[in-house]
Every structure is written in C-alpha cells, then in structure tokens.
C-alpha cells in the first residue's frame, strides 16, 4: 500500500466537500486509503454515482450499454463509448455502486 500523503488541511477540506462527490470519493479512497467497508467511503461512492460526474456519464448511456451510437465506440471523439468508459474508470466508477457500470 502506498504511503499516506501529507496534505494541507485546507486542501484536504476542499477535496472532501460534499459539493464535489467525485473528488470526495477519490480522496477518501486514494489519498486517505479508507477501507472498502468504511461507511464514509461507501456513502461517498454512492453520492458520486448518484449526483456526481459519474452519474452524468452513466445517465448519458443508452439502455443497451453504449454512448452516442452502437458499434466500435471510438467516435465521436470524447463522447463515444470508449471515451465514456475511460472517463468512468478515471472517476472510479464501481459496479458495486451502480450496476450500469457492468453493462
């Protein structure tokens, strides 16, 4: 496990704000190394999937599991399926928090 990062208290407070659920989730998970069963981490994960950028990307997904148009998924650039999946991975999307991630 990586060593804990020492963060300025103001910076940490900013990263943990409720208004940015994705940043809060990733901060708890990746910077503060909260255990997967930690109640604050699971609540942050749920919030990120319900009202954060993860939710926005998943809400744009077609019910069949693609974005914009079916097929290979690269086009249109930055909006197609491949790009959406990359963004979801970077944001920490989790099938445990939203089953649409599996689709």
PDB file of N, CA and C in Angstrom:
ATOM      1  N   UNK A   1       0.848  -1.179   0.000  1.00  0.00           N
ATOM      2  CA  UNK A   1       0.000   0.000   0.000  1.00  0.00           C
ATOM      3  C   UNK A   1       0.889   1.236   0.000  1.00  0.00           C
ATOM      4  N   UNK A   2       0.541   2.213  -0.843  1.00  0.00           N
ATOM      5  CA  UNK A   2       1.341   3.443  -0.869  1.00  0.00           C
ATOM      6  C   UNK A   2       1.271   4.165   0.461  1.00  0.00           C
ATOM      7  N   UNK A   3       2.302   4.926   0.747  1.00  0.00           N
ATOM      8  CA  UNK A   3       2.292   5.678   1.989  1.00  0.00           C
ATOM      9  C   UNK A   3       1.270   6.803   1.893  1.00  0.00           C
ATOM     10  N   UNK A   4       0.761   7.216   3.043  1.00  0.00           N
ATOM     11  CA  UNK A   4      -0.223   8.294   3.070  1.00  0.00           C
ATOM     12  C   UNK A   4       0.439   9.604   2.687  1.00  0.00           C
ATOM     13  N   UNK A   5      -0.276  10.377   1.941  1.00  0.00           N
ATOM     14  CA  UNK A   5       0.203  11.675   1.501  1.00  0.00           C
ATOM     15  C   UNK A   5      -0.148  12.700   2.567  1.00  0.00           C
ATOM     16  N   UNK A   6       0.804  13.549   2.881  1.00  0.00           N
ATOM     17  CA  UNK A   6       0.511  14.628   3.817  1.00  0.00           C
ATOM     18  C   UNK A   6      -0.057  15.792   3.025  1.00  0.00           C
ATOM     19  N   UNK A   7      -1.256  16.204   3.395  1.00  0.00           N
ATOM     20  CA  UNK A   7      -1.931  17.269   2.686  1.00  0.00           C
ATOM     21  C   UNK A   7      -2.180  18.445   3.611  1.00  0.00           C
ATOM     22  N   UNK A   8      -2.129  19.620   3.038  1.00  0.00           N
ATOM     23  CA  UNK A   8      -2.517  20.821   3.752  1.00  0.00           C
ATOM     24  C   UNK A   8      -3.970  20.645   4.198  1.00  0.00           C
ATOM     25  N   UNK A   9      -4.277  21.026   5.408  1.00  0.00           N
ATOM     26  CA  UNK A   9      -5.621  20.832   5.962  1.00  0.00           C
ATOM     27  C   UNK A   9      -6.695  21.529   5.121  1.00  0.00           C
ATOM     28  N   UNK A  10      -6.411  22.717   4.624  1.00  0.00           N
ATOM     29  CA  UNK A  10      -7.383  23.437   3.788  1.00  0.00           C
ATOM     30  C   UNK A  10      -7.621  22.707   2.466  1.00  0.00           C
ATOM     31  N   UNK A  11      -6.565  22.179   1.904  1.00  0.00           N
ATOM     32  CA  UNK A  11      -6.695  21.427   0.664  1.00  0.00           C
ATOM     33  C   UNK A  11      -7.527  20.173   0.894  1.00  0.00           C
ATOM     34  N   UNK A  12      -7.250  19.475   1.958  1.00  0.00           N
ATOM     35  CA  UNK A  12      -7.998  18.264   2.277  1.00  0.00           C
ATOM     36  C   UNK A  12      -9.475  18.597   2.510  1.00  0.00           C
ATOM     37  N   UNK A  13      -9.750  19.670   3.244  1.00  0.00           N
ATOM     38  CA  UNK A  13     -11.139  20.078   3.471  1.00  0.00           C
ATOM     39  C   UNK A  13     -11.843  20.353   2.145  1.00  0.00           C
ATOM     40  N   UNK A  14     -11.140  21.010   1.220  1.00  0.00           N
ATOM     41  CA  UNK A  14     -11.706  21.332  -0.086  1.00  0.00           C
ATOM     42  C   UNK A  14     -12.003  20.054  -0.869  1.00  0.00           C
ATOM     43  N   UNK A  15     -11.085  19.104  -0.864  1.00  0.00           N
ATOM     44  CA  UNK A  15     -11.278  17.848  -1.582  1.00  0.00           C
ATOM     45  C   UNK A  15     -12.422  17.015  -1.010  1.00  0.00           C
ATOM     46  N   UNK A  16     -12.716  17.220   0.264  1.00  0.00           N
ATOM     47  CA  UNK A  16     -13.743  16.426   0.931  1.00  0.00           C
ATOM     48  C   UNK A  16     -15.111  17.101   0.978  1.00  0.00           C
ATOM     49  N   UNK A  17     -15.270  18.221   0.280  1.00  0.00           N
ATOM     50  CA  UNK A  17     -16.550  18.916   0.280  1.00  0.00           C
ATOM     51  C   UNK A  17     -17.637  18.052  -0.348  1.00  0.00           C
ATOM     52  N   UNK A  18     -18.840  18.163   0.204  1.00  0.00           N
ATOM     53  CA  UNK A  18     -19.979  17.398  -0.318  1.00  0.00           C
ATOM     54  C   UNK A  18     -20.391  17.833  -1.721  1.00  0.00           C
ATOM     55  N   UNK A  19     -20.078  19.075  -2.096  1.00  0.00           N
ATOM     56  CA  UNK A  19     -20.482  19.596  -3.403  1.00  0.00           C
ATOM     57  C   UNK A  19     -19.746  18.919  -4.557  1.00  0.00           C
ATOM     58  N   UNK A  20     -18.642  18.271  -4.275  1.00  0.00           N
ATOM     59  CA  UNK A  20     -17.868  17.577  -5.300  1.00  0.00           C
ATOM     60  C   UNK A  20     -17.743  16.102  -4.912  1.00  0.00           C
ATOM     61  N   UNK A  21     -18.836  15.346  -5.102  1.00  0.00           N
ATOM     62  CA  UNK A  21     -18.836  13.957  -4.623  1.00  0.00           C
ATOM     63  C   UNK A  21     -17.767  13.075  -5.244  1.00  0.00           C
ATOM     64  N   UNK A  22     -17.418  13.332  -6.509  1.00  0.00           N
ATOM     65  CA  UNK A  22     -16.391  12.500  -7.149  1.00  0.00           C
ATOM     66  C   UNK A  22     -15.026  12.735  -6.498  1.00  0.00           C
ATOM     67  N   UNK A  23     -14.686  13.992  -6.262  1.00  0.00           N
ATOM     68  CA  UNK A  23     -13.408  14.321  -5.618  1.00  0.00           C
ATOM     69  C   UNK A  23     -13.382  13.773  -4.194  1.00  0.00           C
ATOM     70  N   UNK A  24     -14.498  13.882  -3.495  1.00  0.00           N
ATOM     71  CA  UNK A  24     -14.579  13.362  -2.120  1.00  0.00           C
ATOM     72  C   UNK A  24     -14.342  11.849  -2.105  1.00  0.00           C
ATOM     73  N   UNK A  25     -15.005  11.140  -3.000  1.00  0.00           N
ATOM     74  CA  UNK A  25     -14.864   9.686  -3.091  1.00  0.00           C
ATOM     75  C   UNK A  25     -13.420   9.284  -3.383  1.00  0.00           C
ATOM     76  N   UNK A  26     -12.809   9.909  -4.389  1.00  0.00           N
ATOM     77  CA  UNK A  26     -11.439   9.551  -4.757  1.00  0.00           C
ATOM     78  C   UNK A  26     -10.437   9.956  -3.671  1.00  0.00           C
ATOM     79  N   UNK A  27     -10.695  11.043  -2.974  1.00  0.00           N
ATOM     80  CA  UNK A  27      -9.816  11.463  -1.879  1.00  0.00           C
ATOM     81  C   UNK A  27      -9.858  10.448  -0.749  1.00  0.00           C
ATOM     82  N   UNK A  28     -11.046  10.044  -0.361  1.00  0.00           N
ATOM     83  CA  UNK A  28     -11.165   9.043   0.705  1.00  0.00           C
ATOM     84  C   UNK A  28     -10.530   7.722   0.299  1.00  0.00           C
ATOM     85  N   UNK A  29     -10.755   7.325  -0.948  1.00  0.00           N
ATOM     86  CA  UNK A  29     -10.247   6.036  -1.428  1.00  0.00           C
ATOM     87  C   UNK A  29      -8.745   6.043  -1.677  1.00  0.00           C
ATOM     88  N   UNK A  30      -8.261   7.048  -2.416  1.00  0.00           N
ATOM     89  CA  UNK A  30      -6.888   7.004  -2.918  1.00  0.00           C
ATOM     90  C   UNK A  30      -5.878   7.796  -2.091  1.00  0.00           C
ATOM     91  N   UNK A  31      -6.311   8.841  -1.430  1.00  0.00           N
ATOM     92  CA  UNK A  31      -5.373   9.641  -0.634  1.00  0.00           C
ATOM     93  C   UNK A  31      -5.416   9.282   0.844  1.00  0.00           C
ATOM     94  N   UNK A  32      -6.612   9.007   1.344  1.00  0.00           N
ATOM     95  CA  UNK A  32      -6.733   8.666   2.762  1.00  0.00           C
ATOM     96  C   UNK A  32      -6.785   7.160   2.998  1.00  0.00           C
ATOM     97  N   UNK A  33      -6.827   6.390   1.910  1.00  0.00           N
ATOM     98  CA  UNK A  33      -6.753   4.920   1.957  1.00  0.00           C
ATOM     99  C   UNK A  33      -7.780   4.311   2.907  1.00  0.00           C
ATOM    100  N   UNK A  34      -9.012   4.789   2.794  1.00  0.00           N
ATOM    101  CA  UNK A  34     -10.075   4.224   3.617  1.00  0.00           C
ATOM    102  C   UNK A  34     -10.345   2.789   3.185  1.00  0.00           C
ATOM    103  N   UNK A  35     -10.679   1.960   4.153  1.00  0.00           N
ATOM    104  CA  UNK A  35     -11.002   0.565   3.894  1.00  0.00           C
ATOM    105  C   UNK A  35     -12.271   0.494   3.045  1.00  0.00           C
ATOM    106  N   UNK A  36     -12.361  -0.457   2.125  1.00  0.00           N
ATOM    107  CA  UNK A  36     -13.548  -0.550   1.265  1.00  0.00           C
ATOM    108  C   UNK A  36     -14.868  -0.635   2.034  1.00  0.00           C
ATOM    109  N   UNK A  37     -14.828  -1.137   3.259  1.00  0.00           N
ATOM    110  CA  UNK A  37     -16.045  -1.251   4.067  1.00  0.00           C
ATOM    111  C   UNK A  37     -16.325  -0.009   4.905  1.00  0.00           C
ATOM    112  N   UNK A  38     -15.463   1.000   4.820  1.00  0.00           N
ATOM    113  CA  UNK A  38     -15.643   2.229   5.593  1.00  0.00           C
ATOM    114  C   UNK A  38     -16.967   2.893   5.206  1.00  0.00           C
ATOM    115  N   UNK A  39     -17.790   3.229   6.177  1.00  0.00           N
ATOM    116  CA  UNK A  39     -19.117   3.783   5.888  1.00  0.00           C
ATOM    117  C   UNK A  39     -19.044   5.138   5.190  1.00  0.00           C
ATOM    118  N   UNK A  40     -18.066   5.953   5.524  1.00  0.00           N
ATOM    119  CA  UNK A  40     -17.920   7.251   4.863  1.00  0.00           C
ATOM    120  C   UNK A  40     -17.516   7.065   3.395  1.00  0.00           C
ATOM    121  N   UNK A  41     -16.653   6.093   3.135  1.00  0.00           N
ATOM    122  CA  UNK A  41     -16.243   5.807   1.756  1.00  0.00           C
ATOM    123  C   UNK A  41     -17.413   5.262   0.949  1.00  0.00           C
ATOM    124  N   UNK A  42     -18.166   4.339   1.492  1.00  0.00           N
ATOM    125  CA  UNK A  42     -19.302   3.786   0.743  1.00  0.00           C
ATOM    126  C   UNK A  42     -20.365   4.849   0.489  1.00  0.00           C
ATOM    127  N   UNK A  43     -20.574   5.756   1.434  1.00  0.00           N
ATOM    128  CA  UNK A  43     -21.524   6.858   1.229  1.00  0.00           C
ATOM    129  C   UNK A  43     -21.017   7.806   0.146  1.00  0.00           C
ATOM    130  N   UNK A  44     -19.731   8.080   0.138  1.00  0.00           N
ATOM    131  CA  UNK A  44     -19.140   8.956  -0.883  1.00  0.00           C
ATOM    132  C   UNK A  44     -19.220   8.303  -2.261  1.00  0.00           C
ATOM    133  N   UNK A  45     -19.004   7.018  -2.316  1.00  0.00           N
ATOM    134  CA  UNK A  45     -19.109   6.287  -3.579  1.00  0.00           C
ATOM    135  C   UNK A  45     -20.541   6.375  -4.105  1.00  0.00           C
ATOM    136  N   UNK A  46     -21.495   6.159  -3.240  1.00  0.00           N
ATOM    137  CA  UNK A  46     -22.900   6.244  -3.645  1.00  0.00           C
ATOM    138  C   UNK A  46     -23.243   7.648  -4.132  1.00  0.00           C
ATOM    139  N   UNK A  47     -22.778   8.670  -3.427  1.00  0.00           N
ATOM    140  CA  UNK A  47     -23.059  10.053  -3.825  1.00  0.00           C
ATOM    141  C   UNK A  47     -22.447  10.372  -5.184  1.00  0.00           C
ATOM    142  N   UNK A  48     -21.230   9.904  -5.421  1.00  0.00           N
ATOM    143  CA  UNK A  48     -20.569  10.152  -6.706  1.00  0.00           C
ATOM    144  C   UNK A  48     -21.336   9.498  -7.851  1.00  0.00           C
ATOM    145  N   UNK A  49     -21.944   8.364  -7.582  1.00  0.00           N
ATOM    146  CA  UNK A  49     -22.694   7.653  -8.607  1.00  0.00           C
ATOM    147  C   UNK A  49     -24.121   8.191  -8.763  1.00  0.00           C
ATOM    148  N   UNK A  50     -24.601   8.913  -7.754  1.00  0.00           N
ATOM    149  CA  UNK A  50     -25.973   9.432  -7.802  1.00  0.00           C
ATOM    150  C   UNK A  50     -26.045  10.866  -8.316  1.00  0.00           C
ATOM    151  N   UNK A  51     -25.027  11.706  -7.990  1.00  0.00           N
ATOM    152  CA  UNK A  51     -25.138  13.122  -8.337  1.00  0.00           C
ATOM    153  C   UNK A  51     -23.827  13.755  -8.806  1.00  0.00           C
ATOM    154  N   UNK A  52     -22.825  12.962  -9.014  1.00  0.00           N
ATOM    155  CA  UNK A  52     -21.545  13.486  -9.480  1.00  0.00           C
ATOM    156  C   UNK A  52     -21.366  13.295 -10.978  1.00  0.00           C
ATOM    157  N   UNK A  53     -20.148  13.459 -11.422  1.00  0.00           N
ATOM    158  CA  UNK A  53     -19.835  13.292 -12.840  1.00  0.00           C
ATOM    159  C   UNK A  53     -20.038  11.850 -13.292  1.00  0.00           C
ATOM    160  N   UNK A  54     -19.813  10.909 -12.397  1.00  0.00           N
ATOM    161  CA  UNK A  54     -20.073   9.504 -12.744  1.00  0.00           C
ATOM    162  C   UNK A  54     -21.540   9.350 -13.138  1.00  0.00           C
ATOM    163  N   UNK A  55     -22.418   9.936 -12.332  1.00  0.00           N
ATOM    164  CA  UNK A  55     -23.854   9.868 -12.628  1.00  0.00           C
ATOM    165  C   UNK A  55     -24.165  10.513 -13.969  1.00  0.00           C
ATOM    166  N   UNK A  56     -23.549  11.649 -14.256  1.00  0.00           N
ATOM    167  CA  UNK A  56     -23.798  12.347 -15.520  1.00  0.00           C
ATOM    168  C   UNK A  56     -23.400  11.479 -16.714  1.00  0.00           C
ATOM    169  N   UNK A  57     -22.265  10.824 -16.621  1.00  0.00           N
ATOM    170  CA  UNK A  57     -21.809   9.967 -17.722  1.00  0.00           C
ATOM    171  C   UNK A  57     -22.728   8.755 -17.858  1.00  0.00           C
ATOM    172  N   UNK A  58     -23.068   8.134 -16.743  1.00  0.00           N
ATOM    173  CA  UNK A  58     -23.941   6.956 -16.807  1.00  0.00           C
ATOM    174  C   UNK A  58     -25.341   7.316 -17.292  1.00  0.00           C
ATOM    175  N   UNK A  59     -25.823   8.497 -16.943  1.00  0.00           N
ATOM    176  CA  UNK A  59     -27.152   8.914 -17.393  1.00  0.00           C
ATOM    177  C   UNK A  59     -27.198   9.157 -18.902  1.00  0.00           C
ATOM    178  N   UNK A  60     -26.053   9.418 -19.502  1.00  0.00           N
ATOM    179  CA  UNK A  60     -25.990   9.631 -20.953  1.00  0.00           C
ATOM    180  C   UNK A  60     -25.873   8.317 -21.725  1.00  0.00           C
ATOM    181  N   UNK A  61     -25.704   7.214 -21.010  1.00  0.00           N
ATOM    182  CA  UNK A  61     -25.544   5.915 -21.654  1.00  0.00           C
ATOM    183  C   UNK A  61     -26.888   5.402 -22.172  1.00  0.00           C
ATOM    184  N   UNK A  62     -26.883   4.844 -23.366  1.00  0.00           N
ATOM    185  CA  UNK A  62     -28.068   4.193 -23.928  1.00  0.00           C
ATOM    186  C   UNK A  62     -28.373   2.956 -23.090  1.00  0.00           C
ATOM    187  N   UNK A  63     -29.629   2.574 -23.001  1.00  0.00           N
ATOM    188  CA  UNK A  63     -30.004   1.414 -22.182  1.00  0.00           C
ATOM    189  C   UNK A  63     -29.338   0.116 -22.630  1.00  0.00           C
ATOM    190  N   UNK A  64     -28.856   0.056 -23.873  1.00  0.00           N
ATOM    191  CA  UNK A  64     -28.148  -1.135 -24.356  1.00  0.00           C
ATOM    192  C   UNK A  64     -26.661  -1.110 -24.012  1.00  0.00           C
ATOM    193  N   UNK A  65     -26.199  -0.048 -23.347  1.00  0.00           N
ATOM    194  CA  UNK A  65     -24.828  -0.018 -22.862  1.00  0.00           C
ATOM    195  C   UNK A  65     -23.823   0.697 -23.740  1.00  0.00           C
ATOM    196  N   UNK A  66     -24.250   1.597 -24.579  1.00  0.00           N
ATOM    197  CA  UNK A  66     -23.302   2.366 -25.390  1.00  0.00           C
ATOM    198  C   UNK A  66     -23.644   3.854 -25.281  1.00  0.00           C
ATOM    199  N   UNK A  67     -22.723   4.665 -25.745  1.00  0.00           N
ATOM    200  CA  UNK A  67     -22.935   6.112 -25.786  1.00  0.00           C
ATOM    201  C   UNK A  67     -22.967   6.553 -27.244  1.00  0.00           C
ATOM    202  N   UNK A  68     -23.800   7.487 -27.568  1.00  0.00           N
ATOM    203  CA  UNK A  68     -23.968   8.142 -28.859  1.00  0.00           C
ATOM    204  C   UNK A  68     -24.486   7.186 -29.929  1.00  0.00           C
ATOM    205  N   UNK A  69     -23.710   6.170 -30.297  1.00  0.00           N
ATOM    206  CA  UNK A  69     -24.169   5.239 -31.334  1.00  0.00           C
ATOM    207  C   UNK A  69     -23.552   3.865 -31.097  1.00  0.00           C
ATOM    208  N   UNK A  70     -24.274   2.801 -31.485  1.00  0.00           N
ATOM    209  CA  UNK A  70     -23.708   1.457 -31.317  1.00  0.00           C
ATOM    210  C   UNK A  70     -22.536   1.242 -32.268  1.00  0.00           C
ATOM    211  N   UNK A  71     -21.744   0.253 -31.963  1.00  0.00           N
ATOM    212  CA  UNK A  71     -20.606  -0.066 -32.823  1.00  0.00           C
ATOM    213  C   UNK A  71     -19.319  -0.082 -32.029  1.00  0.00           C
ATOM    214  N   UNK A  72     -18.225   0.137 -32.727  1.00  0.00           N
ATOM    215  CA  UNK A  72     -16.896   0.045 -32.106  1.00  0.00           C
ATOM    216  C   UNK A  72     -16.724   1.018 -30.949  1.00  0.00           C
ATOM    217  N   UNK A  73     -17.366   2.187 -31.019  1.00  0.00           N
ATOM    218  CA  UNK A  73     -17.416   3.060 -29.870  1.00  0.00           C
ATOM    219  C   UNK A  73     -16.389   4.153 -29.762  1.00  0.00           C
ATOM    220  N   UNK A  74     -15.503   4.297 -30.725  1.00  0.00           N
ATOM    221  CA  UNK A  74     -14.492   5.348 -30.619  1.00  0.00           C
ATOM    222  C   UNK A  74     -15.067   6.712 -30.979  1.00  0.00           C
ATOM    223  N   UNK A  75     -15.872   6.773 -32.007  1.00  0.00           N
ATOM    224  CA  UNK A  75     -16.423   8.054 -32.472  1.00  0.00           C
ATOM    225  C   UNK A  75     -17.803   8.269 -31.860  1.00  0.00           C
ATOM    226  N   UNK A  76     -18.202   9.472 -31.657  1.00  0.00           N
ATOM    227  CA  UNK A  76     -17.448  10.695 -31.849  1.00  0.00           C
ATOM    228  C   UNK A  76     -16.423  10.887 -30.737  1.00  0.00           C
ATOM    229  N   UNK A  77     -15.321  11.501 -31.119  1.00  0.00           N
ATOM    230  CA  UNK A  77     -14.219  11.678 -30.185  1.00  0.00           C
ATOM    231  C   UNK A  77     -14.689  12.406 -28.922  1.00  0.00           C
ATOM    232  N   UNK A  78     -14.270  11.866 -27.800  1.00  0.00           N
ATOM    233  CA  UNK A  78     -14.558  12.378 -26.458  1.00  0.00           C
ATOM    234  C   UNK A  78     -15.988  12.148 -25.992  1.00  0.00           C
ATOM    235  N   UNK A  79     -16.851  11.625 -26.848  1.00  0.00           N
ATOM    236  CA  UNK A  79     -18.231  11.395 -26.440  1.00  0.00           C
ATOM    237  C   UNK A  79     -18.681   9.955 -26.655  1.00  0.00           C
ATOM    238  N   UNK A  80     -17.961   9.206 -27.477  1.00  0.00           N
ATOM    239  CA  UNK A  80     -18.328   7.831 -27.780  1.00  0.00           C
ATOM    240  C   UNK A  80     -18.103   6.896 -26.597  1.00  0.00           C
ATOM    241  N   UNK A  81     -18.437   5.660 -26.807  1.00  0.00           N
ATOM    242  CA  UNK A  81     -18.385   4.647 -25.757  1.00  0.00           C
ATOM    243  C   UNK A  81     -16.997   4.481 -25.148  1.00  0.00           C
ATOM    244  N   UNK A  82     -15.975   4.371 -25.975  1.00  0.00           N
ATOM    245  CA  UNK A  82     -14.612   4.180 -25.464  1.00  0.00           C
ATOM    246  C   UNK A  82     -14.230   5.326 -24.531  1.00  0.00           C
ATOM    247  N   UNK A  83     -14.518   6.546 -24.953  1.00  0.00           N
ATOM    248  CA  UNK A  83     -14.163   7.717 -24.155  1.00  0.00           C
ATOM    249  C   UNK A  83     -14.942   7.752 -22.843  1.00  0.00           C
ATOM    250  N   UNK A  84     -16.196   7.381 -22.895  1.00  0.00           N
ATOM    251  CA  UNK A  84     -17.021   7.377 -21.682  1.00  0.00           C
ATOM    252  C   UNK A  84     -16.529   6.336 -20.690  1.00  0.00           C
ATOM    253  N   UNK A  85     -16.132   5.171 -21.199  1.00  0.00           N
ATOM    254  CA  UNK A  85     -15.610   4.118 -20.323  1.00  0.00           C
ATOM    255  C   UNK A  85     -14.285   4.548 -19.694  1.00  0.00           C
ATOM    256  N   UNK A  86     -13.438   5.181 -20.472  1.00  0.00           N
ATOM    257  CA  UNK A  86     -12.171   5.690 -19.925  1.00  0.00           C
ATOM    258  C   UNK A  86     -12.444   6.698 -18.813  1.00  0.00           C
ATOM    259  N   UNK A  87     -13.364   7.616 -19.055  1.00  0.00           N
ATOM    260  CA  UNK A  87     -13.686   8.620 -18.052  1.00  0.00           C
ATOM    261  C   UNK A  87     -14.266   7.978 -16.797  1.00  0.00           C
ATOM    262  N   UNK A  88     -15.154   7.015 -16.957  1.00  0.00           N
ATOM    263  CA  UNK A  88     -15.712   6.319 -15.793  1.00  0.00           C
ATOM    264  C   UNK A  88     -14.619   5.640 -14.974  1.00  0.00           C
ATOM    265  N   UNK A  89     -13.668   5.031 -15.642  1.00  0.00           N
ATOM    266  CA  UNK A  89     -12.555   4.387 -14.935  1.00  0.00           C
ATOM    267  C   UNK A  89     -11.725   5.418 -14.174  1.00  0.00           C
ATOM    268  N   UNK A  90     -11.450   6.549 -14.809  1.00  0.00           N
ATOM    269  CA  UNK A  90     -10.661   7.584 -14.147  1.00  0.00           C
ATOM    270  C   UNK A  90     -11.397   8.171 -12.952  1.00  0.00           C
ATOM    271  N   UNK A  91     -12.721   8.224 -13.019  1.00  0.00           N
ATOM    272  CA  UNK A  91     -13.517   8.780 -11.920  1.00  0.00           C
ATOM    273  C   UNK A  91     -13.783   7.760 -10.820  1.00  0.00           C
ATOM    274  N   UNK A  92     -13.397   6.516 -11.047  1.00  0.00           N
ATOM    275  CA  UNK A  92     -13.565   5.484 -10.023  1.00  0.00           C
ATOM    276  C   UNK A  92     -14.938   4.843 -10.009  1.00  0.00           C
ATOM    277  N   UNK A  93     -15.604   4.810 -11.154  1.00  0.00           N
ATOM    278  CA  UNK A  93     -16.932   4.189 -11.226  1.00  0.00           C
ATOM    279  C   UNK A  93     -16.848   2.739 -10.770  1.00  0.00           C
ATOM    280  N   UNK A  94     -17.873   2.311 -10.059  1.00  0.00           N
ATOM    281  CA  UNK A  94     -17.853   0.992  -9.451  1.00  0.00           C
ATOM    282  C   UNK A  94     -19.167   0.270  -9.686  1.00  0.00           C
ATOM    283  N   UNK A  95     -19.088  -0.968 -10.107  1.00  0.00           N
ATOM    284  CA  UNK A  95     -20.284  -1.776 -10.311  1.00  0.00           C
ATOM    285  C   UNK A  95     -21.013  -2.004  -8.991  1.00  0.00           C
ATOM    286  N   UNK A  96     -20.294  -1.945  -7.881  1.00  0.00           N
ATOM    287  CA  UNK A  96     -20.934  -2.112  -6.575  1.00  0.00           C
ATOM    288  C   UNK A  96     -21.852  -0.943  -6.252  1.00  0.00           C
ATOM    289  N   UNK A  97     -21.580   0.202  -6.827  1.00  0.00           N
ATOM    290  CA  UNK A  97     -22.402   1.388  -6.582  1.00  0.00           C
ATOM    291  C   UNK A  97     -23.462   1.603  -7.644  1.00  0.00           C
ATOM    292  N   UNK A  98     -23.253   1.098  -8.830  1.00  0.00           N
ATOM    293  CA  UNK A  98     -24.221   1.272  -9.922  1.00  0.00           C
ATOM    294  C   UNK A  98     -24.019   0.134 -10.922  1.00  0.00           C
ATOM    295  N   UNK A  99     -25.032  -0.690 -11.069  1.00  0.00           N
ATOM    296  CA  UNK A  99     -24.903  -1.869 -11.939  1.00  0.00           C
ATOM    297  C   UNK A  99     -24.745  -1.513 -13.397  1.00  0.00           C
ATOM    298  N   UNK A 100     -25.078  -0.259 -13.780  1.00  0.00           N
ATOM    299  CA  UNK A 100     -24.899   0.136 -15.172  1.00  0.00           C
ATOM    300  C   UNK A 100     -23.427   0.111 -15.577  1.00  0.00           C
ATOM    301  N   UNK A 101     -22.529   0.216 -14.644  1.00  0.00           N
ATOM    302  CA  UNK A 101     -21.092   0.173 -14.950  1.00  0.00           C
ATOM    303  C   UNK A 101     -20.744  -1.169 -15.586  1.00  0.00           C
ATOM    304  N   UNK A 102     -21.367  -2.221 -15.158  1.00  0.00           N
ATOM    305  CA  UNK A 102     -21.102  -3.560 -15.713  1.00  0.00           C
ATOM    306  C   UNK A 102     -21.563  -3.659 -17.160  1.00  0.00           C
ATOM    307  N   UNK A 103     -22.654  -2.995 -17.491  1.00  0.00           N
ATOM    308  CA  UNK A 103     -23.183  -3.045 -18.850  1.00  0.00           C
ATOM    309  C   UNK A 103     -22.189  -2.469 -19.817  1.00  0.00           C
TER     310      UNK A 103
END
